[in-house]
Amino acid sequence: MKEIAGQDICVLGGTGSIGTALIARLLELEPKRIRCVSNDEYSMWRAEKMFGPPSSGSPMRYVLKDIRDRHSMREVLRGVDILFMLAAYKHVQYVEYSPREGIMVNVIGNLTVIEEVLANDRVQKVINVSTDKVCYADTTYGITKRLAEKLVEWASFYRPVGEQTTRFANTRFGNVIGSRGSVIERWFDPRVQTIELRDPSHVRFFMSTSEAIDLLLRCLVRMMGGETFVFKMPCVRMGDMALVASELTGKPVKRIPPIPQEPTNQWLMTAEESIHRIEDDKGFVLHRNYPALPPMEYSTASLKPLERDEIREMLEEWMSDEMRSV
């Protein structure tokens, strides 16, 4: 892949589940260097165990940095060609309980990174990884991630056309199966005795980690600057997924109280933002300069959820991948 070969790549939040999967794929594409950046020392140690220590024969570099610190970001971005922005606080309930920390990382941290990229004026492409929670956001987490998206859009048009050397884009997708702290990880944890289910009628977007990485790299190839890439994803009724997980693990399903005001469906694109869009078989691309079209939503409400045998196939594939990675 010519976009990666010989390039100096930085992955902020590189020790998370998506970050490590992305790095594993990037290593196959012969980059010059990969800077795995995290503020979590233990996760960094695990990543080094996974990818090997830094050496003259390895492109891997492991860097403990905090995206809120301007000097640290200036230092880590020096010489970078491609930047993936994955660093964020991602759990809705924790950001709701600690809104200041969520704002400082998800908004101020990302602003600091973007400002240093603009000052650096060398980075070629920047991809911010966002979430379905930005659509009709009414949680602190969703609002902070929407602000991060808007900062990326602002950076795309910071300088007049022809003077901007860095291209910025957002990517947006829903749940990734087995990502760290996800419901699937909890259900399949051998230390957990039950399959806890809040509301069986809820319908959620899900995709595999490998599919998420495929889409990120597709975005890298296609981006021209200022886009938000919205990926089409299969959806699952949570009651069906819980029953399949119960069959696979032998654990009983246990109903727990729902989260107040949690919606039955999920959205990946709102009607308001959809006006300036193009569409293909993989998803939608939003850009403020696209010609206006009639509005539409992309949500689980308009999609047919996977059947249980399809859910089983998805979960078994994830379980197989987990066994290979141990």
Protein backbone atom coordinates (compact mmCIF):
# COMPACT_ATOMS: atom_id res chain seq x y z
CA MET A 1 0.00 0.00 0.00
CA LYS A 2 1.85 3.06 -1.28
CA GLU A 3 0.20 5.42 1.22
CA ILE A 4 1.91 3.55 4.10
CA ALA A 5 5.16 2.16 2.66
CA GLY A 6 8.17 4.16 3.81
CA GLN A 7 6.06 6.58 5.86
CA ASP A 8 6.56 7.75 9.45
CA ILE A 9 3.27 7.03 11.22
CA CYS A 10 2.02 8.12 14.64
CA VAL A 11 -0.89 6.39 16.38
CA LEU A 12 -2.22 8.37 19.35
CA GLY A 13 -4.02 5.92 21.63
CA GLY A 14 -2.02 3.12 20.03
CA THR A 15 -2.32 0.71 22.96
CA GLY A 16 -6.11 0.32 22.85
CA SER A 17 -7.88 -2.52 21.06
CA ILE A 18 -8.34 -0.56 17.81
CA GLY A 19 -4.88 0.99 18.10
CA THR A 20 -3.07 -2.33 18.45
CA ALA A 21 -5.09 -3.88 15.60
CA LEU A 22 -4.26 -0.89 13.41
CA ILE A 23 -0.55 -1.13 14.24
CA ALA A 24 -0.54 -4.87 13.48
CA ARG A 25 -1.98 -4.15 10.02
CA LEU A 26 0.37 -1.20 9.40
CA LEU A 27 3.40 -3.37 10.16
CA GLU A 28 2.46 -5.57 7.20
CA LEU A 29 2.62 -2.53 4.89
CA GLU A 30 6.33 -1.69 5.44
CA PRO A 31 6.25 1.74 7.08
CA LYS A 32 9.48 3.52 7.92
CA ARG A 33 8.44 3.99 11.55
CA ILE A 34 5.38 3.59 13.80
CA ARG A 35 5.14 5.70 16.93
CA CYS A 36 2.79 4.02 19.38
CA VAL A 37 1.71 6.77 21.78
CA SER A 38 -0.16 6.26 25.05
CA ASN A 39 -0.29 7.63 28.59
CA ASP A 40 -0.90 4.13 30.02
CA GLU A 41 2.36 2.47 31.05
CA TYR A 42 0.89 -1.01 31.53
CA SER A 43 -0.82 -0.98 28.13
CA MET A 44 2.43 0.21 26.58
CA TRP A 45 4.24 -2.75 28.13
CA ARG A 46 1.62 -5.10 26.69
CA ALA A 47 1.95 -3.50 23.25
CA GLU A 48 5.73 -4.00 23.36
CA LYS A 49 5.20 -7.66 24.24
CA MET A 50 2.91 -7.92 21.23
CA PHE A 51 5.04 -6.11 18.62
CA GLY A 52 8.55 -6.56 20.01
CA PRO A 53 11.03 -4.08 21.48
CA PRO A 54 12.32 -1.07 19.55
CA SER A 55 15.54 -1.85 17.73
CA SER A 56 17.50 -0.91 14.65
CA GLY A 57 15.62 -3.59 12.72
CA SER A 58 12.14 -2.69 13.95
CA PRO A 59 9.98 0.28 12.94
CA MET A 60 8.25 0.29 16.35
CA ARG A 61 8.75 3.09 18.85
CA TYR A 62 6.86 3.29 22.15
CA VAL A 63 6.24 6.76 23.53
CA LEU A 64 4.59 7.72 26.84
CA LYS A 65 2.87 11.04 26.20
CA ASP A 66 -0.31 12.89 27.18
CA ILE A 67 -2.20 14.57 24.34
CA ARG A 68 -3.11 17.44 26.68
CA ASP A 69 0.55 18.49 26.94
CA ARG A 70 1.56 20.81 24.10
CA HIS A 71 5.31 20.27 24.45
CA SER A 72 4.84 16.48 24.36
CA MET A 73 2.74 16.68 21.21
CA ARG A 74 5.21 19.00 19.51
CA GLU A 75 7.97 16.53 20.27
CA VAL A 76 6.15 13.36 19.22
CA LEU A 77 4.85 14.85 15.94
CA ARG A 78 8.29 15.88 14.71
CA GLY A 79 8.93 14.11 11.41
CA VAL A 80 5.51 12.39 11.25
CA ASP A 81 3.85 11.86 7.84
CA ILE A 82 0.52 10.27 8.86
CA LEU A 83 -1.34 10.69 12.15
CA PHE A 84 -4.18 8.54 13.50
CA MET A 85 -6.07 10.16 16.39
CA LEU A 86 -7.55 7.38 18.55
CA ALA A 87 -6.75 8.75 22.01
CA ALA A 88 -9.92 9.48 23.98
CA TYR A 89 -11.95 8.68 27.04
CA LYS A 90 -14.59 6.41 25.53
CA HIS A 91 -16.92 5.11 28.27
CA VAL A 92 -20.18 7.02 28.43
CA GLN A 93 -20.78 6.54 32.16
CA TYR A 94 -17.28 7.52 33.27
CA VAL A 95 -17.21 10.69 31.16
CA GLU A 96 -20.68 11.53 32.51
CA TYR A 97 -19.36 11.22 36.09
CA SER A 98 -16.10 13.09 35.29
CA PRO A 99 -17.04 15.63 32.62
CA ARG A 100 -14.00 17.85 33.15
CA GLU A 101 -11.62 14.99 32.36
CA GLY A 102 -13.66 14.05 29.30
CA ILE A 103 -13.53 17.63 28.02
CA MET A 104 -9.82 18.00 28.76
CA VAL A 105 -8.90 14.86 26.81
CA ASN A 106 -11.54 14.57 24.08
CA VAL A 107 -11.74 18.29 23.28
CA ILE A 108 -8.74 20.22 24.64
CA GLY A 109 -6.36 17.32 24.02
CA ASN A 110 -7.48 16.98 20.41
CA LEU A 111 -7.31 20.76 19.93
CA THR A 112 -3.74 20.72 21.22
CA VAL A 113 -2.81 17.96 18.77
CA ILE A 114 -4.46 19.77 15.84
CA GLU A 115 -2.79 23.08 16.66
CA GLU A 116 0.61 21.40 16.80
CA VAL A 117 -0.06 19.66 13.47
CA LEU A 118 -0.91 23.03 11.90
CA ALA A 119 2.21 24.60 13.39
CA ASN A 120 4.33 21.63 12.26
CA ASP A 121 3.07 21.99 8.68
CA ARG A 122 4.69 18.68 7.67
CA VAL A 123 2.13 16.02 8.52
CA GLN A 124 0.45 14.90 5.30
CA LYS A 125 -2.74 13.27 6.59
CA VAL A 126 -4.64 13.25 9.89
CA ILE A 127 -7.50 10.83 10.59
CA ASN A 128 -9.67 11.28 13.66
CA VAL A 129 -11.61 8.21 14.82
CA SER A 130 -15.09 9.16 16.02
CA THR A 131 -18.24 7.38 17.19
CA ASP A 132 -21.95 6.97 16.57
CA LYS A 133 -22.52 8.74 19.92
CA VAL A 134 -22.01 12.12 18.20
CA CYS A 135 -25.39 11.81 16.44
CA TYR A 136 -28.09 13.72 18.33
CA ALA A 137 -25.58 13.79 21.20
CA ASP A 138 -27.10 14.17 24.65
CA THR A 139 -24.29 12.66 26.76
CA THR A 140 -21.08 14.40 27.79
CA TYR A 141 -19.08 11.78 25.89
CA GLY A 142 -21.08 12.24 22.69
CA ILE A 143 -20.85 16.02 22.90
CA THR A 144 -17.07 15.96 23.44
CA LYS A 145 -16.56 13.65 20.47
CA ARG A 146 -18.80 15.84 18.29
CA LEU A 147 -16.67 18.83 19.26
CA ALA A 148 -13.57 16.83 18.30
CA GLU A 149 -15.14 16.22 14.88
CA LYS A 150 -15.86 19.93 14.48
CA LEU A 151 -12.26 20.78 15.37
CA VAL A 152 -11.06 18.46 12.61
CA GLU A 153 -13.45 20.14 10.17
CA TRP A 154 -12.16 23.56 11.28
CA ALA A 155 -8.55 22.48 10.77
CA SER A 156 -9.38 21.35 7.23
CA PHE A 157 -10.30 24.92 6.25
CA TYR A 158 -7.86 26.75 8.51
CA ARG A 159 -5.86 28.08 5.55
CA PRO A 160 -7.02 29.17 2.08
CA VAL A 161 -7.27 26.53 -0.65
CA GLY A 162 -3.82 25.83 -2.04
CA GLU A 163 -1.98 26.83 1.14
CA GLN A 164 -3.08 23.91 3.33
CA THR A 165 -0.47 21.14 3.28
CA THR A 166 -2.15 18.79 5.80
CA ARG A 167 -5.36 16.92 4.99
CA PHE A 168 -7.74 16.20 7.87
CA ALA A 169 -10.71 13.81 7.96
CA ASN A 170 -13.08 12.17 10.44
CA THR A 171 -14.14 8.54 10.45
CA ARG A 172 -17.25 7.43 12.27
CA PHE A 173 -18.43 3.94 13.14
CA GLY A 174 -20.32 2.12 15.88
CA ASN A 175 -19.41 -0.74 18.21
CA VAL A 176 -16.40 -2.92 17.48
CA ILE A 177 -16.79 -6.50 18.72
CA GLY A 178 -14.60 -7.29 21.70
CA SER A 179 -13.02 -3.84 22.00
CA ARG A 180 -11.60 -3.10 25.42
CA GLY A 181 -14.32 -2.57 28.01
CA SER A 182 -17.11 -3.49 25.59
CA VAL A 183 -20.17 -5.54 26.48
CA ILE A 184 -18.87 -8.49 24.43
CA GLU A 185 -15.58 -8.51 26.32
CA ARG A 186 -17.49 -8.55 29.61
CA TRP A 187 -19.85 -11.31 28.52
CA PHE A 188 -16.99 -13.58 27.45
CA ASP A 189 -14.77 -12.82 30.44
CA PRO A 190 -14.38 -16.16 32.33
CA ARG A 191 -14.48 -14.27 35.63
CA VAL A 192 -17.99 -12.97 34.87
CA GLN A 193 -20.75 -15.46 35.72
CA THR A 194 -23.74 -14.03 33.84
CA ILE A 195 -24.69 -12.32 30.57
CA GLU A 196 -25.99 -8.97 31.83
CA LEU A 197 -28.62 -7.46 29.52
CA ARG A 198 -30.24 -4.07 29.96
CA ASP A 199 -32.92 -4.08 27.25
CA PRO A 200 -33.39 -6.89 24.70
CA SER A 201 -35.16 -4.55 22.27
CA HIS A 202 -32.17 -2.26 21.80
CA VAL A 203 -30.56 -2.46 18.36
CA ARG A 204 -26.87 -1.62 17.99
CA PHE A 205 -24.31 -1.34 15.19
CA PHE A 206 -21.49 -3.91 15.36
CA MET A 207 -18.49 -4.76 13.22
CA SER A 208 -15.30 -6.78 13.61
CA THR A 209 -11.95 -5.20 14.41
CA SER A 210 -10.54 -6.24 11.02
CA GLU A 211 -13.46 -4.54 9.25
CA ALA A 212 -12.84 -1.36 11.26
CA ILE A 213 -9.17 -1.34 10.21
CA ASP A 214 -10.11 -1.98 6.56
CA LEU A 215 -12.36 1.07 6.66
CA LEU A 216 -9.73 3.27 8.32
CA LEU A 217 -7.21 2.44 5.63
CA ARG A 218 -9.84 2.98 2.93
CA CYS A 219 -10.41 6.44 4.37
CA LEU A 220 -6.66 7.10 4.28
CA VAL A 221 -6.59 6.35 0.55
CA ARG A 222 -9.71 8.32 -0.38
CA MET A 223 -9.50 11.42 1.81
CA MET A 224 -8.97 14.79 0.16
CA GLY A 225 -9.53 16.90 3.29
CA GLY A 226 -12.56 18.00 5.31
CA GLU A 227 -14.61 14.79 4.97
CA THR A 228 -16.43 12.74 7.55
CA PHE A 229 -16.52 9.09 6.49
CA VAL A 230 -19.60 7.27 7.81
CA PHE A 231 -19.38 3.51 7.42
CA LYS A 232 -22.32 1.21 6.76
CA MET A 233 -22.44 -1.45 9.45
CA PRO A 234 -24.59 -4.48 10.29
CA CYS A 235 -26.83 -4.14 13.32
CA VAL A 236 -27.84 -6.57 16.04
CA ARG A 237 -30.79 -6.79 18.41
CA MET A 238 -29.17 -7.02 21.84
CA GLY A 239 -31.60 -9.67 23.08
CA ASP A 240 -30.54 -11.95 20.21
CA MET A 241 -26.86 -11.29 20.82
CA ALA A 242 -27.24 -12.06 24.53
CA LEU A 243 -28.95 -15.40 23.76
CA VAL A 244 -26.21 -16.41 21.32
CA ALA A 245 -23.53 -15.37 23.83
CA SER A 246 -25.32 -17.45 26.46
CA GLU A 247 -25.28 -20.50 24.17
CA LEU A 248 -21.57 -20.04 23.43
CA THR A 249 -20.49 -19.47 27.04
CA GLY A 250 -23.02 -21.54 28.98
CA LYS A 251 -23.82 -18.51 31.15
CA PRO A 252 -27.40 -17.46 32.00
CA VAL A 253 -28.80 -14.16 30.81
CA LYS A 254 -29.50 -11.74 33.65
CA ARG A 255 -31.62 -8.61 33.15
CA ILE A 256 -30.28 -5.45 34.78
CA PRO A 257 -31.86 -1.96 34.97
CA PRO A 258 -31.66 0.05 31.75
CA ILE A 259 -29.73 3.30 31.56
CA PRO A 260 -32.22 6.21 31.75
CA GLN A 261 -33.02 7.78 28.37
CA GLU A 262 -30.83 5.32 26.46
CA PRO A 263 -32.33 5.14 22.94
CA THR A 264 -33.62 1.92 21.40
CA ASN A 265 -31.80 2.63 18.13
CA GLN A 266 -28.43 4.04 17.10
CA TRP A 267 -27.58 6.59 14.43
CA LEU A 268 -24.45 6.99 12.34
CA MET A 269 -25.72 9.93 10.27
CA THR A 270 -28.34 12.56 11.08
CA ALA A 271 -30.76 14.08 8.62
CA GLU A 272 -29.28 17.56 9.07
CA GLU A 273 -25.69 16.60 8.22
CA SER A 274 -26.71 14.19 5.44
CA ILE A 275 -27.67 16.96 3.02
CA HIS A 276 -24.10 17.32 1.73
CA ARG A 277 -23.18 13.67 1.10
CA ILE A 278 -22.13 11.10 -1.44
CA GLU A 279 -22.83 7.37 -1.04
CA ASP A 280 -21.32 4.10 -2.15
CA ASP A 281 -21.61 0.46 -1.09
CA LYS A 282 -19.32 0.99 1.92
CA GLY A 283 -20.92 4.08 3.36
CA PHE A 284 -21.35 7.83 3.12
CA VAL A 285 -18.91 10.69 2.82
CA LEU A 286 -20.00 14.04 4.26
CA HIS A 287 -18.42 17.33 3.17
CA ARG A 288 -19.79 20.83 3.38
CA ASN A 289 -18.90 21.56 -0.26
CA TYR A 290 -20.84 18.64 -1.76
CA PRO A 291 -24.05 19.52 -3.67
CA ALA A 292 -27.21 19.44 -1.54
CA LEU A 293 -29.42 16.34 -1.59
CA PRO A 294 -32.69 15.48 0.16
CA PRO A 295 -31.99 14.69 3.84
CA MET A 296 -31.90 11.13 5.15
CA GLU A 297 -30.87 9.34 8.34
CA TYR A 298 -28.72 6.26 8.64
CA SER A 299 -29.79 4.38 11.73
CA THR A 300 -30.59 0.90 13.02
CA ALA A 301 -34.30 1.81 12.84
CA SER A 302 -34.21 1.47 9.04
CA LEU A 303 -32.07 -1.68 8.88
CA LYS A 304 -32.83 -5.38 9.31
CA PRO A 305 -30.93 -6.81 12.32
CA LEU A 306 -28.75 -9.87 11.81
CA GLU A 307 -30.30 -13.29 12.38
CA ARG A 308 -29.01 -15.38 15.28
CA ASP A 309 -26.97 -17.68 13.05
CA GLU A 310 -25.25 -14.61 11.57
CA ILE A 311 -24.56 -13.30 15.07
CA ARG A 312 -23.11 -16.67 16.05
CA GLU A 313 -20.80 -16.60 13.01
CA MET A 314 -19.65 -13.08 13.94
CA LEU A 315 -18.95 -14.02 17.57
CA GLU A 316 -17.22 -17.28 16.67
CA GLU A 317 -14.93 -15.41 14.27
CA TRP A 318 -14.05 -12.98 17.06
CA MET A 319 -13.42 -15.86 19.50
CA SER A 320 -11.11 -17.51 16.95
CA ASP A 321 -9.18 -14.25 16.47
CA GLU A 322 -8.86 -13.90 20.26
CA MET A 323 -7.44 -17.42 20.58
CA ARG A 324 -4.83 -16.70 17.87
CA SER A 325 -3.74 -13.50 19.58
CA VAL A 326 -3.09 -15.16 22.96
